[in-house]
Amino acid sequence: MTQKRSINCWIISSGLIGCENQCIGLAEELNLNYEIKKINPGKILSITAPYGKPIKVRDFIEPWPKFIIGSGRKTVPYMKYLKSKLEDDIFTIFLQDPKIKTNNFDFVWAPLHDEIKGANTFSTLLSPGRVSQYLITKELTKWNNIFSILPEPFLTILIGGKTKAFSFNKKECFYILETISRSVKDGWTPLISTSRRTPQFLKKEIKNIVSNIPHYFYDNNGDNPYYAFLGISNVALVTPDSVNMLSETITADLSTYIFDLECRSQRISKFLTKLEKENFIKKINGKIIKFHFKKSNATKEIADYISKLI
């Protein structure tokens, strides 16, 4: 009988899927047996975080883990609380810019475009995530019956939505629709995933474009075929509003094209410029074809770095 592994890692999550997936991906790469601890910081702490005292900490009880991983400013007070309580008995890992001094944690990863400095920091161009050969193979097996009846070649199309940096105004939405329509006419079978942030008008019109051709459309209802998309496609067409989406398509070795949308953030512009310079992405301009680039896996880089510290 196989003995069940004990939990040796807590992932502190405020419910942000992108942040949570970064933590899960790193825990899996470090081969940690993790448990996700959901926090409910309440109205006041949600505003004041990363500052303020955490609430409902009674939910944190023994047995204590050896590692704690968190991401997002709302998790910071809880990470600090657990570190002060357990001190050297735990190793705290924070992903992203904590917005406070990095020496509050044992290790901090932040993307290069955040320009975070500190003795205990490490930066990569791409973000960590869950992309792995094991997960993609598992998801491809799960979705094989669906995708096996669709004709190749497949084009993964990932559509985000409005953020502080991107407006997704009507002009840009029509440009996105025109680009998708052109890719369909060029013979691609679209595998489309939208976001909770995607404008409803845009979702509706994308559905109209692909309604009479072979396709798969995921709109946040039911099982998510996202990792199967990444496994079955060679090429992706992605809106540039999500660092995580771009990082994961690149990590999955997809030739990644981006919609050329106006960016109001110097940080994100710097990130996109660096990706383009390194040939990780191309702005969509004409026909979509597969192109080659140097493989990169930030999750593995971060895990390897941490392994040398512990």
Protein backbone atom coordinates (compact mmCIF):
# COMPACT_ATOMS: atom_id res chain seq x y z
CA MET A 1 0.00 0.00 0.00
CA THR A 2 1.39 3.40 -1.02
CA GLN A 3 1.75 5.78 1.90
CA LYS A 4 0.05 9.14 1.39
CA ARG A 5 2.51 12.04 1.32
CA SER A 6 2.03 14.56 4.09
CA ILE A 7 1.34 18.18 3.22
CA ASN A 8 4.60 20.14 3.25
CA CYS A 9 3.48 23.32 1.49
CA TRP A 10 0.67 25.82 1.87
CA ILE A 11 -0.36 28.04 -1.01
CA ILE A 12 -1.95 31.21 0.32
CA SER A 13 -4.57 32.33 -2.20
CA SER A 14 -6.89 35.33 -2.36
CA GLY A 15 -8.78 33.66 -5.21
CA LEU A 16 -6.98 35.32 -8.13
CA ILE A 17 -6.61 32.46 -10.63
CA GLY A 18 -3.50 33.83 -12.32
CA CYS A 19 -1.66 34.28 -9.02
CA GLU A 20 -2.84 30.91 -7.74
CA ASN A 21 -1.69 29.08 -10.87
CA GLN A 22 1.77 30.63 -10.58
CA CYS A 23 2.04 29.25 -7.05
CA ILE A 24 0.71 25.82 -8.01
CA GLY A 25 3.11 25.60 -10.95
CA LEU A 26 6.11 26.38 -8.75
CA ALA A 27 4.98 23.96 -6.01
CA GLU A 28 4.61 21.20 -8.61
CA GLU A 29 8.02 21.95 -10.12
CA LEU A 30 9.56 21.79 -6.62
CA ASN A 31 7.74 18.46 -6.09
CA LEU A 32 5.95 19.80 -3.01
CA ASN A 33 2.73 18.28 -1.71
CA TYR A 34 0.64 21.40 -1.36
CA GLU A 35 -2.67 22.50 0.10
CA ILE A 36 -4.41 25.70 -1.04
CA LYS A 37 -5.40 27.94 1.85
CA LYS A 38 -8.06 30.41 0.73
CA ILE A 39 -8.11 33.70 2.58
CA ASN A 40 -10.96 36.16 3.05
CA PRO A 41 -9.29 39.45 4.00
CA GLY A 42 -12.51 41.45 4.26
CA LYS A 43 -13.20 44.97 2.99
CA ILE A 44 -10.64 46.92 5.01
CA LEU A 45 -7.65 44.63 4.50
CA SER A 46 -8.53 44.28 0.81
CA ILE A 47 -7.94 48.03 0.55
CA THR A 48 -4.91 48.39 2.85
CA ALA A 49 -2.97 45.27 1.80
CA PRO A 50 -0.04 44.66 1.67
CA TYR A 51 -0.30 46.60 4.96
CA GLY A 52 -2.59 45.73 7.86
CA LYS A 53 -3.25 42.82 10.21
CA PRO A 54 -4.64 39.60 8.75
CA ILE A 55 -8.04 38.38 9.92
CA LYS A 56 -9.37 34.85 10.52
CA VAL A 57 -5.89 33.49 11.17
CA ARG A 58 -7.39 30.84 13.45
CA ASP A 59 -7.94 28.85 10.26
CA PHE A 60 -4.17 28.32 10.16
CA ILE A 61 -3.56 25.36 12.47
CA GLU A 62 -1.03 22.57 12.92
CA PRO A 63 0.51 20.58 11.39
CA TRP A 64 2.58 23.41 9.94
CA PRO A 65 4.10 23.19 6.47
CA LYS A 66 7.77 23.61 5.64
CA PHE A 67 7.04 25.94 2.74
CA ILE A 68 4.53 28.73 2.14
CA ILE A 69 3.97 30.21 -1.30
CA GLY A 70 1.87 33.30 -1.98
CA SER A 71 1.20 35.81 -4.71
CA GLY A 72 -0.80 39.03 -4.84
CA ARG A 73 -0.80 41.90 -2.33
CA LYS A 74 -3.76 40.56 -0.30
CA THR A 75 -1.73 37.51 0.71
CA VAL A 76 1.17 39.59 2.07
CA PRO A 77 -0.22 40.17 5.61
CA TYR A 78 -0.89 36.44 5.98
CA MET A 79 2.58 35.51 4.74
CA LYS A 80 4.14 37.97 7.20
CA TYR A 81 2.01 36.64 10.05
CA LEU A 82 3.00 33.02 9.41
CA LYS A 83 6.68 33.91 9.06
CA SER A 84 6.66 35.83 12.36
CA LYS A 85 4.90 32.93 14.09
CA LEU A 86 7.00 30.06 12.71
CA GLU A 87 10.25 31.93 11.99
CA ASP A 88 12.97 29.60 10.68
CA ASP A 89 10.67 26.57 10.72
CA ILE A 90 9.21 27.63 7.38
CA PHE A 91 10.54 28.96 4.09
CA THR A 92 8.35 31.69 2.60
CA ILE A 93 8.22 32.23 -1.16
CA PHE A 94 6.48 35.26 -2.62
CA LEU A 95 5.76 35.61 -6.33
CA GLN A 96 5.34 39.08 -7.92
CA ASP A 97 6.18 42.48 -6.46
CA PRO A 98 5.13 42.36 -2.76
CA LYS A 99 4.97 46.19 -2.58
CA ILE A 100 6.95 46.03 0.68
CA LYS A 101 10.58 45.23 1.50
CA THR A 102 11.60 41.87 0.11
CA ASN A 103 13.35 40.90 3.37
CA ASN A 104 9.91 40.15 4.82
CA PHE A 105 10.18 36.86 2.92
CA ASP A 106 12.83 34.19 2.47
CA PHE A 107 12.60 34.44 -1.32
CA VAL A 108 10.90 36.75 -3.80
CA TRP A 109 10.47 36.22 -7.51
CA ALA A 110 9.40 39.19 -9.61
CA PRO A 111 9.26 39.68 -13.38
CA LEU A 112 12.16 41.56 -14.95
CA HIS A 113 9.92 44.45 -15.98
CA ASP A 114 9.13 45.17 -12.29
CA GLU A 115 12.85 45.84 -11.65
CA ILE A 116 12.73 44.55 -8.05
CA LYS A 117 16.13 44.42 -6.34
CA GLY A 118 17.17 42.61 -3.18
CA ALA A 119 19.59 40.01 -1.85
CA ASN A 120 16.81 37.40 -1.75
CA THR A 121 15.22 38.19 -5.14
CA PHE A 122 15.30 36.48 -8.49
CA SER A 123 13.83 37.67 -11.79
CA THR A 124 12.95 36.16 -15.15
CA LEU A 125 11.44 37.59 -18.31
CA LEU A 126 8.58 35.09 -18.37
CA SER A 127 6.26 34.33 -15.47
CA PRO A 128 5.97 30.95 -13.77
CA GLY A 129 2.91 28.83 -14.49
CA ARG A 130 1.53 25.32 -14.65
CA VAL A 131 2.67 24.37 -18.15
CA SER A 132 4.43 21.00 -18.01
CA GLN A 133 4.66 17.99 -20.29
CA TYR A 134 2.82 15.90 -17.69
CA LEU A 135 -0.15 18.28 -17.44
CA ILE A 136 -0.42 18.85 -21.18
CA THR A 137 -0.29 15.10 -21.93
CA LYS A 138 -2.94 14.47 -19.29
CA GLU A 139 -5.23 17.17 -20.73
CA LEU A 140 -4.71 16.00 -24.32
CA THR A 141 -5.81 12.51 -23.31
CA LYS A 142 -8.86 13.93 -21.55
CA TRP A 143 -9.91 16.02 -24.57
CA ASN A 144 -8.86 13.62 -27.34
CA ASN A 145 -12.43 12.62 -28.29
CA ILE A 146 -13.33 16.27 -28.90
CA PHE A 147 -10.26 17.41 -30.79
CA SER A 148 -9.78 14.24 -32.86
CA ILE A 149 -12.83 15.10 -34.98
CA LEU A 150 -11.59 18.64 -35.74
CA PRO A 151 -9.37 19.25 -38.80
CA GLU A 152 -5.80 20.50 -38.46
CA PRO A 153 -4.02 22.92 -38.36
CA PHE A 154 -5.11 24.31 -35.00
CA LEU A 155 -4.76 27.92 -33.92
CA THR A 156 -5.13 28.68 -30.21
CA ILE A 157 -6.79 32.09 -29.78
CA LEU A 158 -6.71 33.55 -26.26
CA ILE A 159 -8.81 36.67 -25.69
CA GLY A 160 -8.50 38.67 -22.48
CA GLY A 161 -10.14 42.00 -21.74
CA LYS A 162 -9.99 45.45 -20.27
CA THR A 163 -7.26 46.25 -17.73
CA LYS A 164 -5.56 49.42 -16.53
CA ALA A 165 -3.14 49.04 -19.44
CA PHE A 166 -5.59 48.02 -22.20
CA SER A 167 -8.96 49.54 -23.05
CA PHE A 168 -10.46 47.05 -25.56
CA ASN A 169 -12.43 49.87 -27.13
CA LYS A 170 -14.78 49.26 -30.06
CA LYS A 171 -12.15 50.04 -32.67
CA GLU A 172 -9.79 47.48 -31.13
CA CYS A 173 -12.58 44.91 -30.80
CA PHE A 174 -13.37 45.25 -34.52
CA TYR A 175 -9.66 44.84 -35.27
CA ILE A 176 -9.60 41.63 -33.19
CA LEU A 177 -12.66 40.34 -35.05
CA GLU A 178 -11.15 41.16 -38.44
CA THR A 179 -7.92 39.37 -37.52
CA ILE A 180 -9.75 36.24 -36.35
CA SER A 181 -11.90 36.26 -39.49
CA ARG A 182 -8.78 36.47 -41.67
CA SER A 183 -7.12 33.55 -39.84
CA VAL A 184 -10.21 31.42 -40.39
CA LYS A 185 -10.17 32.22 -44.12
CA ASP A 186 -6.50 31.17 -44.19
CA GLY A 187 -7.56 27.66 -43.15
CA TRP A 188 -6.88 27.57 -39.41
CA THR A 189 -9.20 25.68 -37.06
CA PRO A 190 -9.69 28.10 -34.16
CA LEU A 191 -9.55 26.91 -30.56
CA ILE A 192 -10.83 29.94 -28.68
CA SER A 193 -10.77 30.80 -24.99
CA THR A 194 -12.16 34.04 -23.61
CA SER A 195 -11.85 35.66 -20.20
CA ARG A 196 -14.30 36.97 -17.62
CA ARG A 197 -12.94 40.37 -18.68
CA THR A 198 -13.75 39.87 -22.37
CA PRO A 199 -16.45 42.32 -23.55
CA GLN A 200 -19.76 40.51 -24.17
CA PHE A 201 -20.07 42.16 -27.59
CA LEU A 202 -16.69 40.72 -28.59
CA LYS A 203 -17.61 37.21 -27.39
CA LYS A 204 -20.87 37.30 -29.33
CA GLU A 205 -19.23 38.45 -32.57
CA ILE A 206 -16.41 35.88 -32.33
CA LYS A 207 -19.05 33.17 -31.97
CA ASN A 208 -20.77 34.50 -35.10
CA ILE A 209 -17.51 34.36 -37.08
CA VAL A 210 -16.83 30.70 -36.25
CA SER A 211 -20.43 29.45 -36.11
CA ASN A 212 -20.32 27.69 -39.49
CA ILE A 213 -16.84 26.20 -39.36
CA PRO A 214 -15.11 23.53 -37.22
CA HIS A 215 -13.95 25.15 -33.97
CA TYR A 216 -13.98 24.94 -30.19
CA PHE A 217 -15.10 27.91 -28.10
CA TYR A 218 -14.59 28.05 -24.32
CA ASP A 219 -16.29 30.97 -22.55
CA ASN A 220 -15.65 30.17 -18.87
CA ASN A 221 -18.43 27.62 -18.57
CA GLY A 222 -17.72 23.95 -17.84
CA ASP A 223 -14.37 22.18 -18.05
CA ASN A 224 -11.54 24.35 -19.31
CA PRO A 225 -9.55 22.86 -22.24
CA TYR A 226 -6.85 25.55 -21.98
CA TYR A 227 -3.87 23.22 -21.44
CA ALA A 228 -5.14 20.86 -24.14
CA PHE A 229 -5.25 23.86 -26.48
CA LEU A 230 -1.59 24.53 -25.70
CA GLY A 231 -0.71 20.90 -26.35
CA ILE A 232 -2.50 20.38 -29.65
CA SER A 233 -1.59 23.71 -31.31
CA ASN A 234 1.70 24.89 -32.76
CA VAL A 235 0.66 28.53 -33.01
CA ALA A 236 -1.21 30.97 -30.76
CA LEU A 237 -2.86 34.35 -31.30
CA VAL A 238 -3.10 36.20 -27.98
CA THR A 239 -4.26 39.57 -26.68
CA PRO A 240 -1.32 41.22 -24.85
CA ASP A 241 -3.18 42.13 -21.64
CA SER A 242 -2.03 39.08 -19.68
CA VAL A 243 1.63 38.42 -18.86
CA ASN A 244 0.61 34.93 -17.72
CA MET A 245 -1.12 34.00 -20.98
CA LEU A 246 1.86 35.07 -23.05
CA SER A 247 4.31 33.33 -20.71
CA GLU A 248 2.39 30.07 -20.88
CA THR A 249 2.02 29.95 -24.67
CA ILE A 250 5.76 30.62 -25.01
CA THR A 251 6.63 28.02 -22.34
CA ALA A 252 4.42 25.52 -24.18
CA ASP A 253 6.59 26.18 -27.28
CA LEU A 254 3.86 27.81 -29.37
CA SER A 255 4.78 30.41 -31.96
CA THR A 256 2.95 33.33 -30.37
CA TYR A 257 1.42 36.25 -32.25
CA ILE A 258 -0.14 39.16 -30.41
CA PHE A 259 -2.93 41.52 -31.40
CA ASP A 260 -1.38 44.97 -31.77
CA LEU A 261 -3.39 46.85 -29.11
CA GLU A 262 -2.51 50.19 -27.52
CA CYS A 263 -0.75 49.73 -24.18
CA ARG A 264 -0.95 52.47 -21.52
CA SER A 265 1.57 50.87 -19.14
CA GLN A 266 5.30 51.48 -19.43
CA ARG A 267 5.95 48.28 -17.46
CA ILE A 268 3.90 46.09 -19.79
CA SER A 269 5.22 47.90 -22.87
CA LYS A 270 8.74 47.14 -21.69
CA PHE A 271 7.79 43.47 -21.22
CA LEU A 272 6.25 43.20 -24.70
CA THR A 273 9.20 44.97 -26.32
CA LYS A 274 11.63 42.56 -24.65
CA LEU A 275 9.58 39.54 -25.77
CA GLU A 276 9.59 40.82 -29.33
CA LYS A 277 13.33 41.54 -29.23
CA GLU A 278 14.00 37.98 -27.99
CA ASN A 279 11.78 36.64 -30.83
CA PHE A 280 9.32 35.11 -28.36
CA ILE A 281 6.39 36.96 -29.94
CA LYS A 282 5.47 38.72 -33.16
CA LYS A 283 2.80 41.32 -33.80
CA ILE A 284 0.19 39.96 -36.18
CA ASN A 285 0.95 41.41 -39.61
CA GLY A 286 -0.23 39.32 -42.52
CA LYS A 287 -0.39 35.52 -42.56
CA ILE A 288 0.21 33.41 -39.47
CA ILE A 289 3.02 30.89 -39.79
CA LYS A 290 5.04 28.91 -37.26
CA PHE A 291 8.35 30.51 -36.31
CA HIS A 292 11.22 29.25 -34.19
CA PHE A 293 12.58 30.67 -30.94
CA LYS A 294 14.73 29.61 -28.01
CA LYS A 295 12.80 27.53 -25.47
CA SER A 296 12.27 29.08 -22.06
CA ASN A 297 10.71 27.82 -18.83
CA ALA A 298 10.65 30.36 -16.00
CA THR A 299 9.02 27.93 -13.54
CA LYS A 300 11.96 25.54 -13.86
CA GLU A 301 14.49 28.39 -13.61
CA ILE A 302 12.88 29.65 -10.40
CA ALA A 303 12.59 26.17 -8.90
CA ASP A 304 16.24 25.41 -9.69
CA TYR A 305 17.30 28.67 -8.03
CA ILE A 306 15.24 27.97 -4.89
CA SER A 307 16.58 24.40 -4.69
CA LYS A 308 20.07 25.84 -4.24
CA LEU A 309 18.88 27.95 -1.30
CA ILE A 310 17.12 25.28 0.76
